[in-house]
Amino acid sequence: MAYFFGQIIGGVFGIFLLYALLEWAIFKRVFDDPIKGKVGSVAAAYMTGSTLAGFGGADGGPYYWGAFSDYAAPAIIVGAYAFWQGKRLREAITKGEAQTVFE
């Protein structure tokens, strides 16, 4: 059980790191809606992290397909956080409290 929680905590850290990098580099410049950009960057981070973990978990053998299920729970946790942040940002934009144009 402790291994499972450690795996989730490490997965959340990895997915969040990839999410922040992808959002900063690509997704906040592509989507006008902040929720779509944030959730899209979580989905891309999940696919990237799971793909890299599948190759890393192969250990000289076949591709480790279980990596996609290993990172599902952390991606859901980070996705919920990203959705909440996107919702707050959308409300701030509609109130006129946040910038919508990158300079």
PDB file of N, CA and C in Angstrom:
ATOM      1  N   MET A   1       0.815  -1.195   0.000  1.00  0.00           N
ATOM      2  CA  MET A   1       0.000   0.000   0.000  1.00  0.00           C
ATOM      3  C   MET A   1       0.864   1.267   0.000  1.00  0.00           C
ATOM      4  N   ALA A   2       1.955   1.231   0.748  1.00  0.00           N
ATOM      5  CA  ALA A   2       2.837   2.399   0.796  1.00  0.00           C
ATOM      6  C   ALA A   2       3.482   2.639  -0.568  1.00  0.00           C
ATOM      7  N   TYR A   3       3.789   1.550  -1.278  1.00  0.00           N
ATOM      8  CA  TYR A   3       4.363   1.681  -2.613  1.00  0.00           C
ATOM      9  C   TYR A   3       3.388   2.395  -3.548  1.00  0.00           C
ATOM     10  N   PHE A   4       2.112   2.068  -3.421  1.00  0.00           N
ATOM     11  CA  PHE A   4       1.084   2.684  -4.270  1.00  0.00           C
ATOM     12  C   PHE A   4       1.009   4.189  -4.029  1.00  0.00           C
ATOM     13  N   PHE A   5       1.017   4.603  -2.750  1.00  0.00           N
ATOM     14  CA  PHE A   5       0.952   6.033  -2.456  1.00  0.00           C
ATOM     15  C   PHE A   5       2.226   6.755  -2.898  1.00  0.00           C
ATOM     16  N   GLY A   6       3.353   6.112  -2.739  1.00  0.00           N
ATOM     17  CA  GLY A   6       4.604   6.709  -3.217  1.00  0.00           C
ATOM     18  C   GLY A   6       4.621   6.847  -4.726  1.00  0.00           C
ATOM     19  N   GLN A   7       4.055   5.859  -5.396  1.00  0.00           N
ATOM     20  CA  GLN A   7       3.968   5.911  -6.854  1.00  0.00           C
ATOM     21  C   GLN A   7       3.051   7.049  -7.298  1.00  0.00           C
ATOM     22  N   ILE A   8       1.958   7.247  -6.588  1.00  0.00           N
ATOM     23  CA  ILE A   8       1.038   8.346  -6.932  1.00  0.00           C
ATOM     24  C   ILE A   8       1.707   9.698  -6.680  1.00  0.00           C
ATOM     25  N   ILE A   9       2.391   9.840  -5.556  1.00  0.00           N
ATOM     26  CA  ILE A   9       3.047  11.122  -5.258  1.00  0.00           C
ATOM     27  C   ILE A   9       4.128  11.425  -6.289  1.00  0.00           C
ATOM     28  N   GLY A  10       4.937  10.443  -6.618  1.00  0.00           N
ATOM     29  CA  GLY A  10       5.958  10.645  -7.642  1.00  0.00           C
ATOM     30  C   GLY A  10       5.355  10.914  -9.015  1.00  0.00           C
ATOM     31  N   GLY A  11       4.256  10.232  -9.312  1.00  0.00           N
ATOM     32  CA  GLY A  11       3.581  10.455 -10.588  1.00  0.00           C
ATOM     33  C   GLY A  11       2.986  11.845 -10.685  1.00  0.00           C
ATOM     34  N   VAL A  12       2.400  12.317  -9.579  1.00  0.00           N
ATOM     35  CA  VAL A  12       1.840  13.675  -9.561  1.00  0.00           C
ATOM     36  C   VAL A  12       2.945  14.691  -9.795  1.00  0.00           C
ATOM     37  N   PHE A  13       4.094  14.487  -9.154  1.00  0.00           N
ATOM     38  CA  PHE A  13       5.221  15.403  -9.348  1.00  0.00           C
ATOM     39  C   PHE A  13       5.673  15.411 -10.809  1.00  0.00           C
ATOM     40  N   GLY A  14       5.817  14.223 -11.400  1.00  0.00           N
ATOM     41  CA  GLY A  14       6.262  14.142 -12.793  1.00  0.00           C
ATOM     42  C   GLY A  14       5.259  14.716 -13.779  1.00  0.00           C
ATOM     43  N   ILE A  15       3.989  14.371 -13.603  1.00  0.00           N
ATOM     44  CA  ILE A  15       2.950  14.881 -14.504  1.00  0.00           C
ATOM     45  C   ILE A  15       2.823  16.394 -14.353  1.00  0.00           C
ATOM     46  N   PHE A  16       2.896  16.886 -13.108  1.00  0.00           N
ATOM     47  CA  PHE A  16       2.789  18.328 -12.904  1.00  0.00           C
ATOM     48  C   PHE A  16       3.954  19.064 -13.553  1.00  0.00           C
ATOM     49  N   LEU A  17       5.150  18.514 -13.455  1.00  0.00           N
ATOM     50  CA  LEU A  17       6.313  19.138 -14.074  1.00  0.00           C
ATOM     51  C   LEU A  17       6.159  19.201 -15.598  1.00  0.00           C
ATOM     52  N   LEU A  18       5.735  18.095 -16.196  1.00  0.00           N
ATOM     53  CA  LEU A  18       5.508  18.095 -17.644  1.00  0.00           C
ATOM     54  C   LEU A  18       4.347  19.012 -18.024  1.00  0.00           C
ATOM     55  N   TYR A  19       3.287  19.019 -17.219  1.00  0.00           N
ATOM     56  CA  TYR A  19       2.128  19.892 -17.467  1.00  0.00           C
ATOM     57  C   TYR A  19       2.548  21.360 -17.482  1.00  0.00           C
ATOM     58  N   ALA A  20       3.328  21.764 -16.475  1.00  0.00           N
ATOM     59  CA  ALA A  20       3.748  23.166 -16.401  1.00  0.00           C
ATOM     60  C   ALA A  20       4.647  23.533 -17.575  1.00  0.00           C
ATOM     61  N   LEU A  21       5.540  22.640 -17.940  1.00  0.00           N
ATOM     62  CA  LEU A  21       6.438  22.900 -19.067  1.00  0.00           C
ATOM     63  C   LEU A  21       5.669  22.997 -20.379  1.00  0.00           C
ATOM     64  N   LEU A  22       4.771  22.059 -20.627  1.00  0.00           N
ATOM     65  CA  LEU A  22       4.003  22.077 -21.877  1.00  0.00           C
ATOM     66  C   LEU A  22       3.035  23.254 -21.940  1.00  0.00           C
ATOM     67  N   GLU A  23       2.432  23.592 -20.804  1.00  0.00           N
ATOM     68  CA  GLU A  23       1.520  24.742 -20.808  1.00  0.00           C
ATOM     69  C   GLU A  23       2.283  26.028 -21.097  1.00  0.00           C
ATOM     70  N   TRP A  24       3.423  26.196 -20.456  1.00  0.00           N
ATOM     71  CA  TRP A  24       4.207  27.405 -20.665  1.00  0.00           C
ATOM     72  C   TRP A  24       4.724  27.485 -22.096  1.00  0.00           C
ATOM     73  N   ALA A  25       5.193  26.381 -22.643  1.00  0.00           N
ATOM     74  CA  ALA A  25       5.829  26.388 -23.958  1.00  0.00           C
ATOM     75  C   ALA A  25       4.836  26.424 -25.112  1.00  0.00           C
ATOM     76  N   ILE A  26       3.727  25.722 -24.975  1.00  0.00           N
ATOM     77  CA  ILE A  26       2.857  25.540 -26.141  1.00  0.00           C
ATOM     78  C   ILE A  26       1.409  25.948 -25.888  1.00  0.00           C
ATOM     79  N   PHE A  27       0.772  25.328 -24.907  1.00  0.00           N
ATOM     80  CA  PHE A  27      -0.680  25.330 -24.844  1.00  0.00           C
ATOM     81  C   PHE A  27      -1.309  26.661 -24.462  1.00  0.00           C
ATOM     82  N   LYS A  28      -0.661  27.481 -23.677  1.00  0.00           N
ATOM     83  CA  LYS A  28      -1.310  28.751 -23.350  1.00  0.00           C
ATOM     84  C   LYS A  28      -1.229  29.739 -24.506  1.00  0.00           C
ATOM     85  N   ARG A  29      -0.439  29.418 -25.518  1.00  0.00           N
ATOM     86  CA  ARG A  29      -0.375  30.266 -26.704  1.00  0.00           C
ATOM     87  C   ARG A  29      -1.286  29.756 -27.819  1.00  0.00           C
ATOM     88  N   VAL A  30      -1.736  28.510 -27.705  1.00  0.00           N
ATOM     89  CA  VAL A  30      -2.542  27.901 -28.762  1.00  0.00           C
ATOM     90  C   VAL A  30      -4.033  28.084 -28.511  1.00  0.00           C
ATOM     91  N   PHE A  31      -4.472  27.876 -27.269  1.00  0.00           N
ATOM     92  CA  PHE A  31      -5.894  27.926 -26.952  1.00  0.00           C
ATOM     93  C   PHE A  31      -6.280  29.285 -26.391  1.00  0.00           C
ATOM     94  N   ASP A  32      -7.456  29.773 -26.792  1.00  0.00           N
ATOM     95  CA  ASP A  32      -7.980  31.016 -26.228  1.00  0.00           C
ATOM     96  C   ASP A  32      -8.636  30.764 -24.875  1.00  0.00           C
ATOM     97  N   ASP A  33      -9.249  29.600 -24.714  1.00  0.00           N
ATOM     98  CA  ASP A  33      -9.927  29.249 -23.475  1.00  0.00           C
ATOM     99  C   ASP A  33      -8.912  28.665 -22.497  1.00  0.00           C
ATOM    100  N   PRO A  34      -8.795  29.233 -21.290  1.00  0.00           N
ATOM    101  CA  PRO A  34      -7.778  28.723 -20.363  1.00  0.00           C
ATOM    102  C   PRO A  34      -8.026  27.291 -19.893  1.00  0.00           C
ATOM    103  N   ILE A  35      -9.277  26.894 -19.794  1.00  0.00           N
ATOM    104  CA  ILE A  35      -9.565  25.526 -19.353  1.00  0.00           C
ATOM    105  C   ILE A  35      -9.109  24.530 -20.407  1.00  0.00           C
ATOM    106  N   LYS A  36      -9.376  24.807 -21.664  1.00  0.00           N
ATOM    107  CA  LYS A  36      -8.943  23.893 -22.727  1.00  0.00           C
ATOM    108  C   LYS A  36      -7.421  23.800 -22.785  1.00  0.00           C
ATOM    109  N   GLY A  37      -6.746  24.909 -22.602  1.00  0.00           N
ATOM    110  CA  GLY A  37      -5.287  24.903 -22.631  1.00  0.00           C
ATOM    111  C   GLY A  37      -4.685  24.124 -21.474  1.00  0.00           C
ATOM    112  N   LYS A  38      -5.242  24.312 -20.283  1.00  0.00           N
ATOM    113  CA  LYS A  38      -4.705  23.628 -19.112  1.00  0.00           C
ATOM    114  C   LYS A  38      -5.003  22.132 -19.143  1.00  0.00           C
ATOM    115  N   VAL A  39      -6.223  21.763 -19.484  1.00  0.00           N
ATOM    116  CA  VAL A  39      -6.563  20.338 -19.541  1.00  0.00           C
ATOM    117  C   VAL A  39      -5.861  19.667 -20.724  1.00  0.00           C
ATOM    118  N   GLY A  40      -5.711  20.378 -21.820  1.00  0.00           N
ATOM    119  CA  GLY A  40      -4.972  19.835 -22.958  1.00  0.00           C
ATOM    120  C   GLY A  40      -3.514  19.600 -22.628  1.00  0.00           C
ATOM    121  N   SER A  41      -2.925  20.482 -21.831  1.00  0.00           N
ATOM    122  CA  SER A  41      -1.530  20.283 -21.456  1.00  0.00           C
ATOM    123  C   SER A  41      -1.384  19.123 -20.471  1.00  0.00           C
ATOM    124  N   VAL A  42      -2.394  18.877 -19.644  1.00  0.00           N
ATOM    125  CA  VAL A  42      -2.357  17.702 -18.765  1.00  0.00           C
ATOM    126  C   VAL A  42      -2.450  16.427 -19.592  1.00  0.00           C
ATOM    127  N   ALA A  43      -3.325  16.420 -20.592  1.00  0.00           N
ATOM    128  CA  ALA A  43      -3.448  15.239 -21.457  1.00  0.00           C
ATOM    129  C   ALA A  43      -2.143  14.977 -22.206  1.00  0.00           C
ATOM    130  N   ALA A  44      -1.516  16.020 -22.703  1.00  0.00           N
ATOM    131  CA  ALA A  44      -0.230  15.855 -23.397  1.00  0.00           C
ATOM    132  C   ALA A  44       0.853  15.395 -22.424  1.00  0.00           C
ATOM    133  N   ALA A  45       0.833  15.915 -21.198  1.00  0.00           N
ATOM    134  CA  ALA A  45       1.817  15.495 -20.197  1.00  0.00           C
ATOM    135  C   ALA A  45       1.604  14.029 -19.823  1.00  0.00           C
ATOM    136  N   TYR A  46       0.362  13.596 -19.727  1.00  0.00           N
ATOM    137  CA  TYR A  46       0.056  12.187 -19.424  1.00  0.00           C
ATOM    138  C   TYR A  46       0.570  11.277 -20.539  1.00  0.00           C
ATOM    139  N   MET A  47       0.315  11.650 -21.769  1.00  0.00           N
ATOM    140  CA  MET A  47       0.776  10.820 -22.890  1.00  0.00           C
ATOM    141  C   MET A  47       2.309  10.805 -22.963  1.00  0.00           C
ATOM    142  N   THR A  48       2.934  11.949 -22.772  1.00  0.00           N
ATOM    143  CA  THR A  48       4.394  12.028 -22.821  1.00  0.00           C
ATOM    144  C   THR A  48       5.033  11.246 -21.678  1.00  0.00           C
ATOM    145  N   GLY A  49       4.537  11.478 -20.466  1.00  0.00           N
ATOM    146  CA  GLY A  49       5.096  10.791 -19.303  1.00  0.00           C
ATOM    147  C   GLY A  49       4.890   9.287 -19.354  1.00  0.00           C
ATOM    148  N   SER A  50       3.708   8.859 -19.769  1.00  0.00           N
ATOM    149  CA  SER A  50       3.426   7.422 -19.856  1.00  0.00           C
ATOM    150  C   SER A  50       4.262   6.763 -20.948  1.00  0.00           C
ATOM    151  N   THR A  51       4.446   7.442 -22.056  1.00  0.00           N
ATOM    152  CA  THR A  51       5.266   6.892 -23.137  1.00  0.00           C
ATOM    153  C   THR A  51       6.719   6.748 -22.697  1.00  0.00           C
ATOM    154  N   LEU A  52       7.258   7.772 -22.053  1.00  0.00           N
ATOM    155  CA  LEU A  52       8.633   7.697 -21.562  1.00  0.00           C
ATOM    156  C   LEU A  52       8.787   6.626 -20.482  1.00  0.00           C
ATOM    157  N   ALA A  53       7.793   6.512 -19.596  1.00  0.00           N
ATOM    158  CA  ALA A  53       7.849   5.490 -18.551  1.00  0.00           C
ATOM    159  C   ALA A  53       7.736   4.095 -19.142  1.00  0.00           C
ATOM    160  N   GLY A  54       6.980   3.945 -20.227  1.00  0.00           N
ATOM    161  CA  GLY A  54       6.879   2.640 -20.890  1.00  0.00           C
ATOM    162  C   GLY A  54       8.202   2.199 -21.469  1.00  0.00           C
ATOM    163  N   PHE A  55       8.938   3.127 -22.050  1.00  0.00           N
ATOM    164  CA  PHE A  55      10.266   2.785 -22.566  1.00  0.00           C
ATOM    165  C   PHE A  55      11.246   2.547 -21.419  1.00  0.00           C
ATOM    166  N   GLY A  56      11.135   3.346 -20.366  1.00  0.00           N
ATOM    167  CA  GLY A  56      12.034   3.174 -19.224  1.00  0.00           C
ATOM    168  C   GLY A  56      11.761   1.903 -18.445  1.00  0.00           C
ATOM    169  N   GLY A  57      10.499   1.498 -18.385  1.00  0.00           N
ATOM    170  CA  GLY A  57      10.144   0.286 -17.659  1.00  0.00           C
ATOM    171  C   GLY A  57      10.366  -0.986 -18.446  1.00  0.00           C
ATOM    172  N   ALA A  58      10.780  -0.871 -19.672  1.00  0.00           N
ATOM    173  CA  ALA A  58      10.989  -2.062 -20.503  1.00  0.00           C
ATOM    174  C   ALA A  58      12.177  -2.875 -20.009  1.00  0.00           C
ATOM    175  N   ASP A  59      13.195  -2.237 -19.485  1.00  0.00           N
ATOM    176  CA  ASP A  59      14.381  -2.910 -18.950  1.00  0.00           C
ATOM    177  C   ASP A  59      14.971  -3.924 -19.917  1.00  0.00           C
ATOM    178  N   GLY A  60      15.102  -3.543 -21.148  1.00  0.00           N
ATOM    179  CA  GLY A  60      15.689  -4.426 -22.147  1.00  0.00           C
ATOM    180  C   GLY A  60      14.711  -5.411 -22.744  1.00  0.00           C
ATOM    181  N   GLY A  61      13.494  -5.410 -22.266  1.00  0.00           N
ATOM    182  CA  GLY A  61      12.474  -6.321 -22.774  1.00  0.00           C
ATOM    183  C   GLY A  61      11.465  -5.580 -23.637  1.00  0.00           C
ATOM    184  N   PRO A  62      10.246  -6.103 -23.714  1.00  0.00           N
ATOM    185  CA  PRO A  62       9.224  -5.430 -24.513  1.00  0.00           C
ATOM    186  C   PRO A  62       8.732  -4.153 -23.828  1.00  0.00           C
ATOM    187  N   TYR A  63       8.055  -3.338 -24.597  1.00  0.00           N
ATOM    188  CA  TYR A  63       7.511  -2.071 -24.094  1.00  0.00           C
ATOM    189  C   TYR A  63       6.592  -2.349 -22.904  1.00  0.00           C
ATOM    190  N   TYR A  64       6.669  -1.541 -21.860  1.00  0.00           N
ATOM    191  CA  TYR A  64       5.860  -1.716 -20.648  1.00  0.00           C
ATOM    192  C   TYR A  64       4.570  -0.911 -20.778  1.00  0.00           C
ATOM    193  N   TRP A  65       3.499  -1.583 -21.211  1.00  0.00           N
ATOM    194  CA  TRP A  65       2.224  -0.908 -21.440  1.00  0.00           C
ATOM    195  C   TRP A  65       1.523  -0.525 -20.144  1.00  0.00           C
ATOM    196  N   GLY A  66       1.923  -1.105 -19.042  1.00  0.00           N
ATOM    197  CA  GLY A  66       1.325  -0.773 -17.756  1.00  0.00           C
ATOM    198  C   GLY A  66       1.611   0.647 -17.295  1.00  0.00           C
ATOM    199  N   ALA A  67       2.533   1.308 -17.950  1.00  0.00           N
ATOM    200  CA  ALA A  67       2.852   2.692 -17.575  1.00  0.00           C
ATOM    201  C   ALA A  67       1.653   3.610 -17.767  1.00  0.00           C
ATOM    202  N   PHE A  68       0.798   3.284 -18.730  1.00  0.00           N
ATOM    203  CA  PHE A  68      -0.381   4.138 -18.946  1.00  0.00           C
ATOM    204  C   PHE A  68      -1.357   4.037 -17.783  1.00  0.00           C
ATOM    205  N   SER A  69      -1.484   2.866 -17.183  1.00  0.00           N
ATOM    206  CA  SER A  69      -2.350   2.752 -16.009  1.00  0.00           C
ATOM    207  C   SER A  69      -1.645   3.267 -14.751  1.00  0.00           C
ATOM    208  N   ASP A  70      -0.313   3.184 -14.710  1.00  0.00           N
ATOM    209  CA  ASP A  70       0.427   3.703 -13.556  1.00  0.00           C
ATOM    210  C   ASP A  70       0.274   5.213 -13.414  1.00  0.00           C
ATOM    211  N   TYR A  71       0.202   5.914 -14.527  1.00  0.00           N
ATOM    212  CA  TYR A  71       0.118   7.372 -14.496  1.00  0.00           C
ATOM    213  C   TYR A  71      -1.304   7.911 -14.661  1.00  0.00           C
ATOM    214  N   ALA A  72      -2.298   7.036 -14.668  1.00  0.00           N
ATOM    215  CA  ALA A  72      -3.685   7.497 -14.831  1.00  0.00           C
ATOM    216  C   ALA A  72      -4.170   8.284 -13.614  1.00  0.00           C
ATOM    217  N   ALA A  73      -3.964   7.751 -12.415  1.00  0.00           N
ATOM    218  CA  ALA A  73      -4.416   8.447 -11.201  1.00  0.00           C
ATOM    219  C   ALA A  73      -3.700   9.789 -11.007  1.00  0.00           C
ATOM    220  N   PRO A  74      -2.376   9.851 -11.155  1.00  0.00           N
ATOM    221  CA  PRO A  74      -1.735  11.171 -11.039  1.00  0.00           C
ATOM    222  C   PRO A  74      -2.211  12.173 -12.091  1.00  0.00           C
ATOM    223  N   ALA A  75      -2.502  11.690 -13.305  1.00  0.00           N
ATOM    224  CA  ALA A  75      -2.995  12.605 -14.339  1.00  0.00           C
ATOM    225  C   ALA A  75      -4.380  13.127 -13.989  1.00  0.00           C
ATOM    226  N   ILE A  76      -5.204  12.297 -13.364  1.00  0.00           N
ATOM    227  CA  ILE A  76      -6.532  12.750 -12.948  1.00  0.00           C
ATOM    228  C   ILE A  76      -6.414  13.798 -11.845  1.00  0.00           C
ATOM    229  N   ILE A  77      -5.493  13.592 -10.914  1.00  0.00           N
ATOM    230  CA  ILE A  77      -5.295  14.561  -9.828  1.00  0.00           C
ATOM    231  C   ILE A  77      -4.794  15.893 -10.373  1.00  0.00           C
ATOM    232  N   VAL A  78      -3.797  15.854 -11.228  1.00  0.00           N
ATOM    233  CA  VAL A  78      -3.268  17.090 -11.815  1.00  0.00           C
ATOM    234  C   VAL A  78      -4.307  17.720 -12.746  1.00  0.00           C
ATOM    235  N   GLY A  79      -5.085  16.906 -13.443  1.00  0.00           N
ATOM    236  CA  GLY A  79      -6.135  17.425 -14.323  1.00  0.00           C
ATOM    237  C   GLY A  79      -7.215  18.165 -13.546  1.00  0.00           C
ATOM    238  N   ALA A  80      -7.581  17.641 -12.373  1.00  0.00           N
ATOM    239  CA  ALA A  80      -8.572  18.328 -11.535  1.00  0.00           C
ATOM    240  C   ALA A  80      -8.030  19.672 -11.060  1.00  0.00           C
ATOM    241  N   TYR A  81      -6.756  19.697 -10.675  1.00  0.00           N
ATOM    242  CA  TYR A  81      -6.128  20.957 -10.269  1.00  0.00           C
ATOM    243  C   TYR A  81      -6.083  21.950 -11.441  1.00  0.00           C
ATOM    244  N   ALA A  82      -5.717  21.461 -12.614  1.00  0.00           N
ATOM    245  CA  ALA A  82      -5.624  22.332 -13.789  1.00  0.00           C
ATOM    246  C   ALA A  82      -6.995  22.867 -14.180  1.00  0.00           C
ATOM    247  N   PHE A  83      -8.022  22.028 -14.084  1.00  0.00           N
ATOM    248  CA  PHE A  83      -9.381  22.483 -14.397  1.00  0.00           C
ATOM    249  C   PHE A  83      -9.803  23.574 -13.429  1.00  0.00           C
ATOM    250  N   TRP A  84      -9.496  23.397 -12.150  1.00  0.00           N
ATOM    251  CA  TRP A  84      -9.852  24.393 -11.144  1.00  0.00           C
ATOM    252  C   TRP A  84      -9.117  25.708 -11.407  1.00  0.00           C
ATOM    253  N   GLN A  85      -7.832  25.632 -11.744  1.00  0.00           N
ATOM    254  CA  GLN A  85      -7.065  26.834 -12.064  1.00  0.00           C
ATOM    255  C   GLN A  85      -7.595  27.514 -13.324  1.00  0.00           C
ATOM    256  N   GLY A  86      -7.935  26.720 -14.339  1.00  0.00           N
ATOM    257  CA  GLY A  86      -8.486  27.288 -15.564  1.00  0.00           C
ATOM    258  C   GLY A  86      -9.821  27.971 -15.341  1.00  0.00           C
ATOM    259  N   LYS A  87     -10.622  27.372 -14.474  1.00  0.00           N
ATOM    260  CA  LYS A  87     -11.918  27.966 -14.145  1.00  0.00           C
ATOM    261  C   LYS A  87     -11.742  29.299 -13.431  1.00  0.00           C
ATOM    262  N   ARG A  88     -10.789  29.350 -12.506  1.00  0.00           N
ATOM    263  CA  ARG A  88     -10.502  30.616 -11.809  1.00  0.00           C
ATOM    264  C   ARG A  88      -9.975  31.672 -12.775  1.00  0.00           C
ATOM    265  N   LEU A  89      -9.112  31.260 -13.694  1.00  0.00           N
ATOM    266  CA  LEU A  89      -8.553  32.196 -14.666  1.00  0.00           C
ATOM    267  C   LEU A  89      -9.629  32.700 -15.619  1.00  0.00           C
ATOM    268  N   ARG A  90     -10.526  31.819 -16.047  1.00  0.00           N
ATOM    269  CA  ARG A  90     -11.625  32.244 -16.929  1.00  0.00           C
ATOM    270  C   ARG A  90     -12.517  33.266 -16.232  1.00  0.00           C
ATOM    271  N   GLU A  91     -12.811  33.047 -14.949  1.00  0.00           N
ATOM    272  CA  GLU A  91     -13.625  34.010 -14.203  1.00  0.00           C
ATOM    273  C   GLU A  91     -12.900  35.349 -14.066  1.00  0.00           C
ATOM    274  N   ALA A  92     -11.599  35.319 -13.857  1.00  0.00           N
ATOM    275  CA  ALA A  92     -10.816  36.558 -13.745  1.00  0.00           C
ATOM    276  C   ALA A  92     -10.785  37.300 -15.074  1.00  0.00           C
ATOM    277  N   ILE A  93     -10.731  36.562 -16.177  1.00  0.00           N
ATOM    278  CA  ILE A  93     -10.729  37.202 -17.489  1.00  0.00           C
ATOM    279  C   ILE A  93     -12.070  37.858 -17.770  1.00  0.00           C
ATOM    280  N   THR A  94     -13.169  37.178 -17.429  1.00  0.00           N
ATOM    281  CA  THR A  94     -14.483  37.769 -17.685  1.00  0.00           C
ATOM    282  C   THR A  94     -14.731  38.996 -16.810  1.00  0.00           C
ATOM    283  N   LYS A  95     -14.127  39.034 -15.627  1.00  0.00           N
ATOM    284  CA  LYS A  95     -14.259  40.203 -14.766  1.00  0.00           C
ATOM    285  C   LYS A  95     -13.310  41.325 -15.176  1.00  0.00           C
ATOM    286  N   GLY A  96     -12.360  41.024 -16.044  1.00  0.00           N
ATOM    287  CA  GLY A  96     -11.402  42.028 -16.488  1.00  0.00           C
ATOM    288  C   GLY A  96     -10.211  42.175 -15.573  1.00  0.00           C
ATOM    289  N   GLU A  97      -9.981  41.182 -14.702  1.00  0.00           N
ATOM    290  CA  GLU A  97      -8.885  41.260 -13.745  1.00  0.00           C
ATOM    291  C   GLU A  97      -7.595  40.636 -14.271  1.00  0.00           C
ATOM    292  N   ALA A  98      -7.648  39.926 -15.391  1.00  0.00           N
ATOM    293  CA  ALA A  98      -6.455  39.244 -15.908  1.00  0.00           C
ATOM    294  C   ALA A  98      -6.211  39.654 -17.346  1.00  0.00           C
ATOM    295  N   GLN A  99      -4.953  39.615 -17.742  1.00  0.00           N
ATOM    296  CA  GLN A  99      -4.590  39.911 -19.133  1.00  0.00           C
ATOM    297  C   GLN A  99      -4.907  38.718 -20.016  1.00  0.00           C
ATOM    298  N   THR A 100      -5.351  38.983 -21.231  1.00  0.00           N
ATOM    299  CA  THR A 100      -5.627  37.898 -22.167  1.00  0.00           C
ATOM    300  C   THR A 100      -4.650  37.903 -23.333  1.00  0.00           C
ATOM    301  N   VAL A 101      -3.824  38.933 -23.443  1.00  0.00           N
ATOM    302  CA  VAL A 101      -2.904  39.051 -24.572  1.00  0.00           C
ATOM    303  C   VAL A 101      -1.473  38.900 -24.064  1.00  0.00           C
ATOM    304  N   PHE A 102      -0.684  38.088 -24.756  1.00  0.00           N
ATOM    305  CA  PHE A 102       0.714  37.924 -24.395  1.00  0.00           C
ATOM    306  C   PHE A 102       1.539  38.976 -25.109  1.00  0.00           C
ATOM    307  N   GLU A 103       2.440  39.588 -24.382  1.00  0.00           N
ATOM    308  CA  GLU A 103       3.267  40.630 -24.959  1.00  0.00           C
ATOM    309  C   GLU A 103       4.716  40.241 -24.915  1.00  0.00           C
TER     310      GLU A 103
END
